Amino acid sequence: MIKFKPFIALGAILFSITLLLPAILVLPFISDRGNDTKDPPAQETLPAENAGPSVEVSVYREEQKQIEKVDLEEYVAGVVANEMNASFEPEALKAQALAARTYIVRRMISGTESGLPDGAIVGDSITYQVYKNKTELKSTWKNGDYDWKMKKIEDAVQATAGQILTFDGEPIDALFFSTSNGYTENSDDVWANSISYLKSVESPWDKSSPKFNGQEEISVQEFESKLGVSVGNSASIMTNVEYTSGKRVAKANINGRELAGTDIRDKLGLKSTDFTMTRDGQNIIVTTKGYGHGVGMSQYGANGMAAEGKTYEDIVKYYYKGVAVTDSEKLLTAYMANK
């Protein structure tokens, strides 16, 4: 009879276990995947902050008088949360995210600082884009609204991450406003420059906006003081009215003085340059249609388009003519390299 030495027997047992162990460990995972044996298991998606080098935005917090540095995509979410209603359609929120990201990338690569403190690239007010951080939004959104609103906005931002709008390879001036009067404006009907992608288009969806119709009552004394005119006892306030391509007041004559529609709007604080005026004793009733300057993307128009099934790309390409949706990586890489 052949006798085995103890250490030889032990070695054989350990060798057998080594062969069987991988199969034992793999079996539970195979059963969890069912009958799908052709495709490899899905790879874990890395968090956005690990996807590449972070790009920071230096925001001047105007009330606190200090600079806050925030990740680019987090900044975009903070803008969308303040510039568009979170209850809007997801595709409209994506379009807003694209406009907001384009705005800040354009500022970053152009170096436009407009009198801001050293180190800041943008402010946080309506002069730039309205921005609030998550702590501020938690205070703004009450009754448990923060979680669902922030998730919806962050989903829209993530779905468009890194994308901007370009024309001839350059980031556009992605202007937007609340509500049109049924049309958007040519840029040169509002400001000095004619920009080829900022042209008047029909925007019929805005008629359902709660901001579509407006009315204000201004005393004759205040009206005359703000506009530097005298209306006397005339019942007719405006004459010789001329209109823009967007059906707004281009200019009008008020008792012998010709004024631009944009000047009248700014000085009286009107919601739109689509306005009519009637006199009621010592008051002037001003009726408006739309809300905002009217150039670029209408937010309520975008929401109406999204409700009809249009995608965010459909929306931005409708309101900004001839633009392309482009990856911003090359532009931002060059920006970071020059910092």
C-alpha atoms as a PDB file:
ATOM      1  CA  MET A   1       0.000   0.000   0.000  1.00  0.00           C
ATOM      2  CA  ILE A   2       1.261   3.442  -0.972  1.00  0.00           C
ATOM      3  CA  LYS A   3       1.201   5.949   1.849  1.00  0.00           C
ATOM      4  CA  PHE A   4       0.716   9.712   1.227  1.00  0.00           C
ATOM      5  CA  LYS A   5       2.659  12.088   3.313  1.00  0.00           C
ATOM      6  CA  PRO A   6       0.478  14.627   5.158  1.00  0.00           C
ATOM      7  CA  PHE A   7       1.936  17.718   3.438  1.00  0.00           C
ATOM      8  CA  ILE A   8       1.294  16.204  -0.004  1.00  0.00           C
ATOM      9  CA  ALA A   9      -2.366  15.590   0.859  1.00  0.00           C
ATOM     10  CA  LEU A  10      -2.751  19.126   2.174  1.00  0.00           C
ATOM     11  CA  GLY A  11      -1.271  20.544  -1.013  1.00  0.00           C
ATOM     12  CA  ALA A  12      -3.699  18.593  -3.169  1.00  0.00           C
ATOM     13  CA  ILE A  13      -6.674  19.907  -1.163  1.00  0.00           C
ATOM     14  CA  LEU A  14      -5.516  23.537  -1.447  1.00  0.00           C
ATOM     15  CA  PHE A  15      -4.954  23.174  -5.200  1.00  0.00           C
ATOM     16  CA  SER A  16      -8.514  21.841  -5.657  1.00  0.00           C
ATOM     17  CA  ILE A  17      -9.989  24.748  -3.699  1.00  0.00           C
ATOM     18  CA  THR A  18      -8.015  27.231  -5.832  1.00  0.00           C
ATOM     19  CA  LEU A  19      -9.548  25.780  -8.991  1.00  0.00           C
ATOM     20  CA  LEU A  20     -13.099  25.831  -7.654  1.00  0.00           C
ATOM     21  CA  LEU A  21     -13.078  29.250  -5.964  1.00  0.00           C
ATOM     22  CA  PRO A  22     -13.536  31.485  -9.090  1.00  0.00           C
ATOM     23  CA  ALA A  23     -16.534  29.446 -10.221  1.00  0.00           C
ATOM     24  CA  ILE A  24     -18.125  29.662  -6.771  1.00  0.00           C
ATOM     25  CA  LEU A  25     -17.708  33.444  -6.695  1.00  0.00           C
ATOM     26  CA  VAL A  26     -19.022  34.051 -10.242  1.00  0.00           C
ATOM     27  CA  LEU A  27     -22.162  31.883 -10.041  1.00  0.00           C
ATOM     28  CA  PRO A  28     -24.344  34.348  -8.050  1.00  0.00           C
ATOM     29  CA  PHE A  29     -23.622  37.204 -10.497  1.00  0.00           C
ATOM     30  CA  ILE A  30     -24.411  35.058 -13.532  1.00  0.00           C
ATOM     31  CA  SER A  31     -27.801  34.153 -12.083  1.00  0.00           C
ATOM     32  CA  ASP A  32     -28.580  37.814 -11.335  1.00  0.00           C
ATOM     33  CA  ARG A  33     -28.109  38.703 -15.009  1.00  0.00           C
ATOM     34  CA  GLY A  34     -30.609  36.061 -16.120  1.00  0.00           C
ATOM     35  CA  ASN A  35     -30.051  34.598 -19.581  1.00  0.00           C
ATOM     36  CA  ASP A  36     -28.085  37.568 -20.917  1.00  0.00           C
ATOM     37  CA  THR A  37     -24.632  36.076 -21.422  1.00  0.00           C
ATOM     38  CA  LYS A  38     -23.634  37.931 -24.596  1.00  0.00           C
ATOM     39  CA  ASP A  39     -23.065  41.463 -23.257  1.00  0.00           C
ATOM     40  CA  PRO A  40     -20.557  42.299 -20.520  1.00  0.00           C
ATOM     41  CA  PRO A  41     -21.881  43.853 -17.314  1.00  0.00           C
ATOM     42  CA  ALA A  42     -22.536  47.585 -17.603  1.00  0.00           C
ATOM     43  CA  GLN A  43     -19.656  49.765 -16.512  1.00  0.00           C
ATOM     44  CA  GLU A  44     -20.239  52.003 -13.531  1.00  0.00           C
ATOM     45  CA  THR A  45     -20.844  55.629 -14.540  1.00  0.00           C
ATOM     46  CA  LEU A  46     -18.407  57.966 -12.854  1.00  0.00           C
ATOM     47  CA  PRO A  47     -19.778  61.071 -11.155  1.00  0.00           C
ATOM     48  CA  ALA A  48     -19.626  64.218 -13.306  1.00  0.00           C
ATOM     49  CA  GLU A  49     -16.903  65.706 -11.116  1.00  0.00           C
ATOM     50  CA  ASN A  50     -14.623  62.775 -12.006  1.00  0.00           C
ATOM     51  CA  ALA A  51     -15.274  62.937 -15.735  1.00  0.00           C
ATOM     52  CA  GLY A  52     -12.519  65.468 -16.399  1.00  0.00           C
ATOM     53  CA  PRO A  53     -10.824  68.588 -15.137  1.00  0.00           C
ATOM     54  CA  SER A  54     -13.262  70.907 -13.377  1.00  0.00           C
ATOM     55  CA  VAL A  55     -13.928  74.362 -14.832  1.00  0.00           C
ATOM     56  CA  GLU A  56     -14.749  76.969 -12.214  1.00  0.00           C
ATOM     57  CA  VAL A  57     -16.845  80.089 -12.613  1.00  0.00           C
ATOM     58  CA  SER A  58     -15.933  83.063 -10.411  1.00  0.00           C
ATOM     59  CA  VAL A  59     -19.249  84.716  -9.555  1.00  0.00           C
ATOM     60  CA  TYR A  60     -19.357  88.099  -7.864  1.00  0.00           C
ATOM     61  CA  ARG A  61     -22.110  87.901  -5.259  1.00  0.00           C
ATOM     62  CA  GLU A  62     -23.286  91.464  -5.461  1.00  0.00           C
ATOM     63  CA  GLU A  63     -25.183  91.647  -2.164  1.00  0.00           C
ATOM     64  CA  GLN A  64     -22.462  89.924  -0.122  1.00  0.00           C
ATOM     65  CA  LYS A  65     -19.720  91.777  -2.050  1.00  0.00           C
ATOM     66  CA  GLN A  66     -17.571  88.687  -2.390  1.00  0.00           C
ATOM     67  CA  ILE A  67     -16.522  86.217  -5.079  1.00  0.00           C
ATOM     68  CA  GLU A  68     -17.900  82.683  -5.025  1.00  0.00           C
ATOM     69  CA  LYS A  69     -16.148  80.008  -7.076  1.00  0.00           C
ATOM     70  CA  VAL A  70     -18.438  77.300  -8.373  1.00  0.00           C
ATOM     71  CA  ASP A  71     -18.204  74.398 -10.832  1.00  0.00           C
ATOM     72  CA  LEU A  72     -19.426  75.366 -14.303  1.00  0.00           C
ATOM     73  CA  GLU A  73     -22.319  72.907 -14.444  1.00  0.00           C
ATOM     74  CA  GLU A  74     -23.384  73.750 -10.898  1.00  0.00           C
ATOM     75  CA  TYR A  75     -23.373  77.418 -11.904  1.00  0.00           C
ATOM     76  CA  VAL A  76     -25.603  76.617 -14.900  1.00  0.00           C
ATOM     77  CA  ALA A  77     -28.041  74.780 -12.598  1.00  0.00           C
ATOM     78  CA  GLY A  78     -28.083  77.792 -10.255  1.00  0.00           C
ATOM     79  CA  VAL A  79     -28.950  80.048 -13.185  1.00  0.00           C
ATOM     80  CA  VAL A  80     -31.669  77.814 -14.647  1.00  0.00           C
ATOM     81  CA  ALA A  81     -33.241  77.535 -11.184  1.00  0.00           C
ATOM     82  CA  ASN A  82     -33.631  81.318 -11.059  1.00  0.00           C
ATOM     83  CA  GLU A  83     -34.278  82.181 -14.695  1.00  0.00           C
ATOM     84  CA  MET A  84     -36.934  79.571 -15.538  1.00  0.00           C
ATOM     85  CA  ASN A  85     -39.845  78.031 -13.649  1.00  0.00           C
ATOM     86  CA  ALA A  86     -38.958  74.487 -12.558  1.00  0.00           C
ATOM     87  CA  SER A  87     -42.496  73.385 -13.460  1.00  0.00           C
ATOM     88  CA  PHE A  88     -41.716  73.981 -17.138  1.00  0.00           C
ATOM     89  CA  GLU A  89     -41.312  71.079 -19.559  1.00  0.00           C
ATOM     90  CA  PRO A  90     -37.959  69.198 -19.370  1.00  0.00           C
ATOM     91  CA  GLU A  91     -37.050  70.135 -22.957  1.00  0.00           C
ATOM     92  CA  ALA A  92     -37.625  73.818 -22.197  1.00  0.00           C
ATOM     93  CA  LEU A  93     -35.362  73.532 -19.145  1.00  0.00           C
ATOM     94  CA  LYS A  94     -32.700  71.917 -21.346  1.00  0.00           C
ATOM     95  CA  ALA A  95     -32.967  74.790 -23.819  1.00  0.00           C
ATOM     96  CA  GLN A  96     -32.541  77.251 -20.932  1.00  0.00           C
ATOM     97  CA  ALA A  97     -29.511  75.312 -19.672  1.00  0.00           C
ATOM     98  CA  LEU A  98     -27.968  75.540 -23.130  1.00  0.00           C
ATOM     99  CA  ALA A  99     -28.547  79.304 -23.278  1.00  0.00           C
ATOM    100  CA  ALA A 100     -27.164  79.820 -19.762  1.00  0.00           C
ATOM    101  CA  ARG A 101     -24.044  77.742 -20.434  1.00  0.00           C
ATOM    102  CA  THR A 102     -23.430  79.503 -23.741  1.00  0.00           C
ATOM    103  CA  TYR A 103     -23.676  82.882 -22.028  1.00  0.00           C
ATOM    104  CA  ILE A 104     -21.057  82.082 -19.400  1.00  0.00           C
ATOM    105  CA  VAL A 105     -18.666  80.276 -21.767  1.00  0.00           C
ATOM    106  CA  ARG A 106     -18.804  83.285 -24.085  1.00  0.00           C
ATOM    107  CA  ARG A 107     -17.909  85.573 -21.171  1.00  0.00           C
ATOM    108  CA  MET A 108     -15.123  83.295 -19.995  1.00  0.00           C
ATOM    109  CA  ILE A 109     -13.304  83.042 -23.309  1.00  0.00           C
ATOM    110  CA  SER A 110     -13.826  86.703 -24.219  1.00  0.00           C
ATOM    111  CA  GLY A 111     -12.556  87.974 -20.886  1.00  0.00           C
ATOM    112  CA  THR A 112     -15.477  90.379 -20.525  1.00  0.00           C
ATOM    113  CA  GLU A 113     -15.605  91.622 -16.939  1.00  0.00           C
ATOM    114  CA  SER A 114     -17.534  94.917 -17.219  1.00  0.00           C
ATOM    115  CA  GLY A 115     -16.182  96.646 -14.127  1.00  0.00           C
ATOM    116  CA  LEU A 116     -16.437  93.618 -11.855  1.00  0.00           C
ATOM    117  CA  PRO A 117     -13.869  93.131  -9.074  1.00  0.00           C
ATOM    118  CA  ASP A 118     -10.582  91.468 -10.059  1.00  0.00           C
ATOM    119  CA  GLY A 119     -11.016  87.719 -10.353  1.00  0.00           C
ATOM    120  CA  ALA A 120     -14.760  87.766 -11.099  1.00  0.00           C
ATOM    121  CA  ILE A 121     -16.059  86.816 -14.541  1.00  0.00           C
ATOM    122  CA  VAL A 122     -19.780  87.421 -13.953  1.00  0.00           C
ATOM    123  CA  GLY A 123     -22.217  88.969 -11.473  1.00  0.00           C
ATOM    124  CA  ASP A 124     -25.303  87.277 -10.053  1.00  0.00           C
ATOM    125  CA  SER A 125     -28.034  89.807 -10.925  1.00  0.00           C
ATOM    126  CA  ILE A 126     -30.351  90.437 -13.864  1.00  0.00           C
ATOM    127  CA  THR A 127     -27.584  92.516 -15.458  1.00  0.00           C
ATOM    128  CA  TYR A 128     -25.833  89.201 -16.150  1.00  0.00           C
ATOM    129  CA  GLN A 129     -27.753  86.013 -15.321  1.00  0.00           C
ATOM    130  CA  VAL A 130     -29.537  85.610 -12.019  1.00  0.00           C
ATOM    131  CA  TYR A 131     -27.687  83.012  -9.936  1.00  0.00           C
ATOM    132  CA  LYS A 132     -28.273  81.508  -6.495  1.00  0.00           C
ATOM    133  CA  ASN A 133     -26.461  78.605  -4.887  1.00  0.00           C
ATOM    134  CA  LYS A 134     -28.110  75.530  -3.368  1.00  0.00           C
ATOM    135  CA  THR A 135     -28.189  76.924   0.167  1.00  0.00           C
ATOM    136  CA  GLU A 136     -30.079  79.989  -1.064  1.00  0.00           C
ATOM    137  CA  LEU A 137     -32.451  77.893  -3.161  1.00  0.00           C
ATOM    138  CA  LYS A 138     -33.327  75.757  -0.145  1.00  0.00           C
ATOM    139  CA  SER A 139     -34.458  78.937   1.600  1.00  0.00           C
ATOM    140  CA  THR A 140     -36.330  80.154  -1.492  1.00  0.00           C
ATOM    141  CA  TRP A 141     -38.180  76.904  -2.242  1.00  0.00           C
ATOM    142  CA  LYS A 142     -40.416  76.004   0.670  1.00  0.00           C
ATOM    143  CA  ASN A 143     -42.794  73.143   1.532  1.00  0.00           C
ATOM    144  CA  GLY A 144     -40.581  70.331   0.325  1.00  0.00           C
ATOM    145  CA  ASP A 145     -40.257  71.698  -3.215  1.00  0.00           C
ATOM    146  CA  TYR A 146     -36.464  71.844  -3.215  1.00  0.00           C
ATOM    147  CA  ASP A 147     -35.797  68.142  -3.874  1.00  0.00           C
ATOM    148  CA  TRP A 148     -38.034  67.683  -6.917  1.00  0.00           C
ATOM    149  CA  LYS A 149     -37.251  71.077  -8.419  1.00  0.00           C
ATOM    150  CA  MET A 150     -33.492  70.701  -8.036  1.00  0.00           C
ATOM    151  CA  LYS A 151     -33.529  67.169  -9.440  1.00  0.00           C
ATOM    152  CA  LYS A 152     -35.535  68.247 -12.471  1.00  0.00           C
ATOM    153  CA  ILE A 153     -33.183  71.144 -13.151  1.00  0.00           C
ATOM    154  CA  GLU A 154     -30.010  69.114 -12.581  1.00  0.00           C
ATOM    155  CA  ASP A 155     -31.340  66.418 -14.944  1.00  0.00           C
ATOM    156  CA  ALA A 156     -31.799  69.074 -17.645  1.00  0.00           C
ATOM    157  CA  VAL A 157     -28.311  70.455 -17.034  1.00  0.00           C
ATOM    158  CA  GLN A 158     -26.749  66.995 -17.084  1.00  0.00           C
ATOM    159  CA  ALA A 159     -28.581  66.076 -20.305  1.00  0.00           C
ATOM    160  CA  THR A 160     -26.923  69.033 -22.058  1.00  0.00           C
ATOM    161  CA  ALA A 161     -23.605  68.978 -20.153  1.00  0.00           C
ATOM    162  CA  GLY A 162     -20.787  70.642 -22.074  1.00  0.00           C
ATOM    163  CA  GLN A 163     -23.009  71.786 -24.937  1.00  0.00           C
ATOM    164  CA  ILE A 164     -23.153  75.402 -26.126  1.00  0.00           C
ATOM    165  CA  LEU A 165     -24.636  77.281 -29.079  1.00  0.00           C
ATOM    166  CA  THR A 166     -22.242  78.537 -31.738  1.00  0.00           C
ATOM    167  CA  PHE A 167     -22.440  80.538 -34.951  1.00  0.00           C
ATOM    168  CA  ASP A 168     -19.449  80.296 -37.300  1.00  0.00           C
ATOM    169  CA  GLY A 169     -17.649  78.395 -34.537  1.00  0.00           C
ATOM    170  CA  GLU A 170     -18.054  81.091 -31.871  1.00  0.00           C
ATOM    171  CA  PRO A 171     -20.391  81.070 -28.841  1.00  0.00           C
ATOM    172  CA  ILE A 172     -23.463  83.166 -29.561  1.00  0.00           C
ATOM    173  CA  ASP A 173     -24.980  85.937 -27.481  1.00  0.00           C
ATOM    174  CA  ALA A 174     -27.742  83.636 -26.212  1.00  0.00           C
ATOM    175  CA  LEU A 175     -30.290  86.268 -25.205  1.00  0.00           C
ATOM    176  CA  PHE A 176     -33.608  85.193 -23.730  1.00  0.00           C
ATOM    177  CA  PHE A 177     -36.663  86.791 -22.150  1.00  0.00           C
ATOM    178  CA  SER A 178     -39.934  85.799 -20.532  1.00  0.00           C
ATOM    179  CA  THR A 179     -42.860  86.291 -22.917  1.00  0.00           C
ATOM    180  CA  SER A 180     -43.259  87.627 -26.447  1.00  0.00           C
ATOM    181  CA  ASN A 181     -46.218  89.482 -27.909  1.00  0.00           C
ATOM    182  CA  GLY A 182     -46.529  86.712 -30.486  1.00  0.00           C
ATOM    183  CA  TYR A 183     -43.229  87.608 -32.199  1.00  0.00           C
ATOM    184  CA  THR A 184     -39.615  88.011 -31.192  1.00  0.00           C
ATOM    185  CA  GLU A 185     -37.575  91.075 -32.165  1.00  0.00           C
ATOM    186  CA  ASN A 186     -34.683  91.732 -34.540  1.00  0.00           C
ATOM    187  CA  SER A 187     -31.658  92.629 -32.421  1.00  0.00           C
ATOM    188  CA  ASP A 188     -31.189  95.946 -34.228  1.00  0.00           C
ATOM    189  CA  ASP A 189     -34.740  97.016 -33.395  1.00  0.00           C
ATOM    190  CA  VAL A 190     -33.744  96.986 -29.727  1.00  0.00           C
ATOM    191  CA  TRP A 191     -30.000  97.680 -29.754  1.00  0.00           C
ATOM    192  CA  ALA A 192     -27.508  99.123 -32.211  1.00  0.00           C
ATOM    193  CA  ASN A 193     -26.115  95.908 -33.689  1.00  0.00           C
ATOM    194  CA  SER A 194     -27.737  93.673 -36.278  1.00  0.00           C
ATOM    195  CA  ILE A 195     -26.932  90.049 -35.402  1.00  0.00           C
ATOM    196  CA  SER A 196     -27.780  87.463 -38.021  1.00  0.00           C
ATOM    197  CA  TYR A 197     -28.949  84.750 -35.607  1.00  0.00           C
ATOM    198  CA  LEU A 198     -31.163  87.153 -33.598  1.00  0.00           C
ATOM    199  CA  LYS A 199     -34.012  87.700 -36.034  1.00  0.00           C
ATOM    200  CA  SER A 200     -37.738  88.120 -35.523  1.00  0.00           C
ATOM    201  CA  VAL A 201     -39.782  84.907 -35.589  1.00  0.00           C
ATOM    202  CA  GLU A 202     -43.398  84.119 -34.768  1.00  0.00           C
ATOM    203  CA  SER A 203     -43.984  82.819 -31.250  1.00  0.00           C
ATOM    204  CA  PRO A 204     -47.687  82.006 -30.911  1.00  0.00           C
ATOM    205  CA  TRP A 205     -47.230  79.800 -27.820  1.00  0.00           C
ATOM    206  CA  ASP A 206     -46.724  82.878 -25.605  1.00  0.00           C
ATOM    207  CA  LYS A 207     -50.406  83.792 -25.685  1.00  0.00           C
ATOM    208  CA  SER A 208     -51.011  81.248 -22.913  1.00  0.00           C
ATOM    209  CA  SER A 209     -48.424  82.923 -20.664  1.00  0.00           C
ATOM    210  CA  PRO A 210     -49.828  84.614 -17.521  1.00  0.00           C
ATOM    211  CA  LYS A 211     -47.505  87.510 -18.421  1.00  0.00           C
ATOM    212  CA  PHE A 212     -48.859  87.999 -21.944  1.00  0.00           C
ATOM    213  CA  ASN A 213     -51.256  90.841 -21.063  1.00  0.00           C
ATOM    214  CA  GLY A 214     -50.421  93.740 -18.780  1.00  0.00           C
ATOM    215  CA  GLN A 215     -51.820  97.113 -17.788  1.00  0.00           C
ATOM    216  CA  GLU A 216     -50.460 100.030 -15.775  1.00  0.00           C
ATOM    217  CA  GLU A 217     -51.932 103.316 -14.637  1.00  0.00           C
ATOM    218  CA  ILE A 218     -49.559 106.301 -14.570  1.00  0.00           C
ATOM    219  CA  SER A 219     -50.457 109.809 -13.477  1.00  0.00           C
ATOM    220  CA  VAL A 220     -50.092 112.503 -16.120  1.00  0.00           C
ATOM    221  CA  GLN A 221     -47.618 114.331 -13.879  1.00  0.00           C
ATOM    222  CA  GLU A 222     -45.386 111.251 -13.500  1.00  0.00           C
ATOM    223  CA  PHE A 223     -45.715 110.444 -17.214  1.00  0.00           C
ATOM    224  CA  GLU A 224     -44.610 113.953 -18.225  1.00  0.00           C
ATOM    225  CA  SER A 225     -41.769 114.005 -15.708  1.00  0.00           C
ATOM    226  CA  LYS A 226     -40.283 110.644 -16.714  1.00  0.00           C
ATOM    227  CA  LEU A 227     -40.519 111.232 -20.472  1.00  0.00           C
ATOM    228  CA  GLY A 228     -39.766 114.962 -20.487  1.00  0.00           C
ATOM    229  CA  VAL A 229     -42.934 115.750 -22.444  1.00  0.00           C
ATOM    230  CA  SER A 230     -46.102 117.746 -22.005  1.00  0.00           C
ATOM    231  CA  VAL A 231     -49.374 116.110 -22.967  1.00  0.00           C
ATOM    232  CA  GLY A 232     -51.590 119.102 -22.122  1.00  0.00           C
ATOM    233  CA  ASN A 233     -55.281 118.328 -22.298  1.00  0.00           C
ATOM    234  CA  SER A 234     -55.046 116.088 -25.322  1.00  0.00           C
ATOM    235  CA  ALA A 235     -57.039 112.867 -25.233  1.00  0.00           C
ATOM    236  CA  SER A 236     -54.702 111.287 -27.792  1.00  0.00           C
ATOM    237  CA  ILE A 237     -51.308 110.435 -26.292  1.00  0.00           C
ATOM    238  CA  MET A 238     -49.308 108.929 -29.178  1.00  0.00           C
ATOM    239  CA  THR A 239     -49.362 109.830 -32.877  1.00  0.00           C
ATOM    240  CA  ASN A 240     -47.352 108.810 -35.960  1.00  0.00           C
ATOM    241  CA  VAL A 241     -46.538 105.440 -34.404  1.00  0.00           C
ATOM    242  CA  GLU A 242     -44.067 103.235 -36.317  1.00  0.00           C
ATOM    243  CA  TYR A 243     -43.613  99.534 -35.604  1.00  0.00           C
ATOM    244  CA  THR A 244     -40.775  97.004 -35.627  1.00  0.00           C
ATOM    245  CA  SER A 245     -40.718  93.625 -37.389  1.00  0.00           C
ATOM    246  CA  GLY A 246     -41.840  92.159 -34.068  1.00  0.00           C
ATOM    247  CA  LYS A 247     -45.009  94.329 -34.005  1.00  0.00           C
ATOM    248  CA  ARG A 248     -43.713  96.574 -31.200  1.00  0.00           C
ATOM    249  CA  VAL A 249     -43.455 100.360 -31.042  1.00  0.00           C
ATOM    250  CA  ALA A 250     -40.318 101.497 -32.876  1.00  0.00           C
ATOM    251  CA  LYS A 251     -41.028 105.190 -32.287  1.00  0.00           C
ATOM    252  CA  ALA A 252     -43.940 107.478 -31.551  1.00  0.00           C
ATOM    253  CA  ASN A 253     -44.706 111.183 -31.360  1.00  0.00           C
ATOM    254  CA  ILE A 254     -45.975 112.499 -28.031  1.00  0.00           C
ATOM    255  CA  ASN A 255     -47.243 116.078 -28.371  1.00  0.00           C
ATOM    256  CA  GLY A 256     -44.567 117.056 -30.867  1.00  0.00           C
ATOM    257  CA  ARG A 257     -41.674 115.053 -29.434  1.00  0.00           C
ATOM    258  CA  GLU A 258     -40.524 111.857 -31.155  1.00  0.00           C
ATOM    259  CA  LEU A 259     -39.371 109.089 -28.811  1.00  0.00           C
ATOM    260  CA  ALA A 260     -38.055 105.568 -29.436  1.00  0.00           C
ATOM    261  CA  GLY A 261     -40.255 102.753 -28.155  1.00  0.00           C
ATOM    262  CA  THR A 262     -37.330 101.346 -26.164  1.00  0.00           C
ATOM    263  CA  ASP A 263     -36.814 104.719 -24.434  1.00  0.00           C
ATOM    264  CA  ILE A 264     -40.492 104.920 -23.519  1.00  0.00           C
ATOM    265  CA  ARG A 265     -40.394 101.396 -22.120  1.00  0.00           C
ATOM    266  CA  ASP A 266     -37.224 101.995 -20.091  1.00  0.00           C
ATOM    267  CA  LYS A 267     -38.243 105.366 -18.661  1.00  0.00           C
ATOM    268  CA  LEU A 268     -41.748 104.254 -17.712  1.00  0.00           C
ATOM    269  CA  GLY A 269     -40.659 100.784 -16.592  1.00  0.00           C
ATOM    270  CA  LEU A 270     -43.060  99.016 -18.950  1.00  0.00           C
ATOM    271  CA  LYS A 271     -43.088  95.248 -19.413  1.00  0.00           C
ATOM    272  CA  SER A 272     -42.831  95.443 -23.200  1.00  0.00           C
ATOM    273  CA  THR A 273     -42.455  97.792 -26.160  1.00  0.00           C
ATOM    274  CA  ASP A 274     -45.772  96.504 -27.495  1.00  0.00           C
ATOM    275  CA  PHE A 275     -47.947  99.115 -25.801  1.00  0.00           C
ATOM    276  CA  THR A 276     -50.951 101.360 -26.357  1.00  0.00           C
ATOM    277  CA  MET A 277     -51.975 104.415 -24.320  1.00  0.00           C
ATOM    278  CA  THR A 278     -55.300 105.959 -23.432  1.00  0.00           C
ATOM    279  CA  ARG A 279     -56.153 108.887 -21.167  1.00  0.00           C
ATOM    280  CA  ASP A 280     -58.478 108.644 -18.204  1.00  0.00           C
ATOM    281  CA  GLY A 281     -58.711 112.089 -16.613  1.00  0.00           C
ATOM    282  CA  GLN A 282     -55.399 112.828 -14.925  1.00  0.00           C
ATOM    283  CA  ASN A 283     -54.108 109.290 -15.513  1.00  0.00           C
ATOM    284  CA  ILE A 284     -52.731 107.469 -18.521  1.00  0.00           C
ATOM    285  CA  ILE A 285     -53.600 103.792 -18.949  1.00  0.00           C
ATOM    286  CA  VAL A 286     -50.818 101.819 -20.633  1.00  0.00           C
ATOM    287  CA  THR A 287     -51.719  98.365 -21.985  1.00  0.00           C
ATOM    288  CA  THR A 288     -48.886  95.994 -22.895  1.00  0.00           C
ATOM    289  CA  LYS A 289     -48.430  92.636 -24.575  1.00  0.00           C
ATOM    290  CA  GLY A 290     -45.483  90.416 -23.667  1.00  0.00           C
ATOM    291  CA  TYR A 291     -42.802  90.717 -21.001  1.00  0.00           C
ATOM    292  CA  GLY A 292     -39.144  91.473 -21.718  1.00  0.00           C
ATOM    293  CA  HIS A 293     -36.934  92.924 -24.449  1.00  0.00           C
ATOM    294  CA  GLY A 294     -38.165  90.378 -26.999  1.00  0.00           C
ATOM    295  CA  VAL A 295     -34.778  89.360 -28.461  1.00  0.00           C
ATOM    296  CA  GLY A 296     -33.703  85.716 -28.693  1.00  0.00           C
ATOM    297  CA  MET A 297     -35.501  82.830 -27.004  1.00  0.00           C
ATOM    298  CA  SER A 298     -38.907  83.331 -25.430  1.00  0.00           C
ATOM    299  CA  GLN A 299     -39.090  81.191 -22.302  1.00  0.00           C
ATOM    300  CA  TYR A 300     -42.857  80.711 -22.444  1.00  0.00           C
ATOM    301  CA  GLY A 301     -42.531  80.074 -26.166  1.00  0.00           C
ATOM    302  CA  ALA A 302     -39.914  77.412 -25.448  1.00  0.00           C
ATOM    303  CA  ASN A 303     -42.244  75.779 -22.936  1.00  0.00           C
ATOM    304  CA  GLY A 304     -45.093  75.811 -25.455  1.00  0.00           C
ATOM    305  CA  MET A 305     -42.908  74.196 -28.095  1.00  0.00           C
ATOM    306  CA  ALA A 306     -41.766  71.541 -25.617  1.00  0.00           C
ATOM    307  CA  ALA A 307     -45.384  70.780 -24.696  1.00  0.00           C
ATOM    308  CA  GLU A 308     -46.009  70.081 -28.381  1.00  0.00           C
ATOM    309  CA  GLY A 309     -43.191  67.524 -28.448  1.00  0.00           C
ATOM    310  CA  LYS A 310     -40.304  69.636 -29.740  1.00  0.00           C
ATOM    311  CA  THR A 311     -36.812  68.848 -28.429  1.00  0.00           C
ATOM    312  CA  TYR A 312     -34.450  71.364 -26.885  1.00  0.00           C
ATOM    313  CA  GLU A 313     -32.444  71.392 -30.127  1.00  0.00           C
ATOM    314  CA  ASP A 314     -35.641  72.175 -32.075  1.00  0.00           C
ATOM    315  CA  ILE A 315     -36.333  75.032 -29.677  1.00  0.00           C
ATOM    316  CA  VAL A 316     -32.929  76.714 -29.722  1.00  0.00           C
ATOM    317  CA  LYS A 317     -32.562  76.379 -33.486  1.00  0.00           C
ATOM    318  CA  TYR A 318     -35.975  77.982 -33.944  1.00  0.00           C
ATOM    319  CA  TYR A 319     -35.249  81.042 -31.825  1.00  0.00           C
ATOM    320  CA  TYR A 320     -31.549  81.399 -32.761  1.00  0.00           C
ATOM    321  CA  LYS A 321     -31.285  81.186 -36.536  1.00  0.00           C
ATOM    322  CA  GLY A 322     -28.452  79.217 -38.167  1.00  0.00           C
ATOM    323  CA  VAL A 323     -26.770  78.123 -34.930  1.00  0.00           C
ATOM    324  CA  ALA A 324     -25.154  74.784 -34.101  1.00  0.00           C
ATOM    325  CA  VAL A 325     -25.147  72.813 -30.851  1.00  0.00           C
ATOM    326  CA  THR A 326     -21.444  72.319 -30.151  1.00  0.00           C
ATOM    327  CA  ASP A 327     -19.232  70.656 -27.543  1.00  0.00           C
ATOM    328  CA  SER A 328     -17.452  73.364 -25.552  1.00  0.00           C
ATOM    329  CA  GLU A 329     -14.486  71.180 -24.556  1.00  0.00           C
ATOM    330  CA  LYS A 330     -11.949  72.674 -26.994  1.00  0.00           C
ATOM    331  CA  LEU A 331     -12.868  76.242 -26.120  1.00  0.00           C
ATOM    332  CA  LEU A 332     -12.723  75.577 -22.395  1.00  0.00           C
ATOM    333  CA  THR A 333      -9.454  73.644 -22.664  1.00  0.00           C
ATOM    334  CA  ALA A 334      -7.880  76.654 -24.382  1.00  0.00           C
ATOM    335  CA  TYR A 335      -9.375  78.951 -21.742  1.00  0.00           C
ATOM    336  CA  MET A 336      -7.974  76.867 -18.877  1.00  0.00           C
ATOM    337  CA  ALA A 337      -4.569  76.693 -20.539  1.00  0.00           C
ATOM    338  CA  ASN A 338      -4.372  80.496 -20.697  1.00  0.00           C
ATOM    339  CA  LYS A 339      -5.427  81.116 -17.105  1.00  0.00           C
END
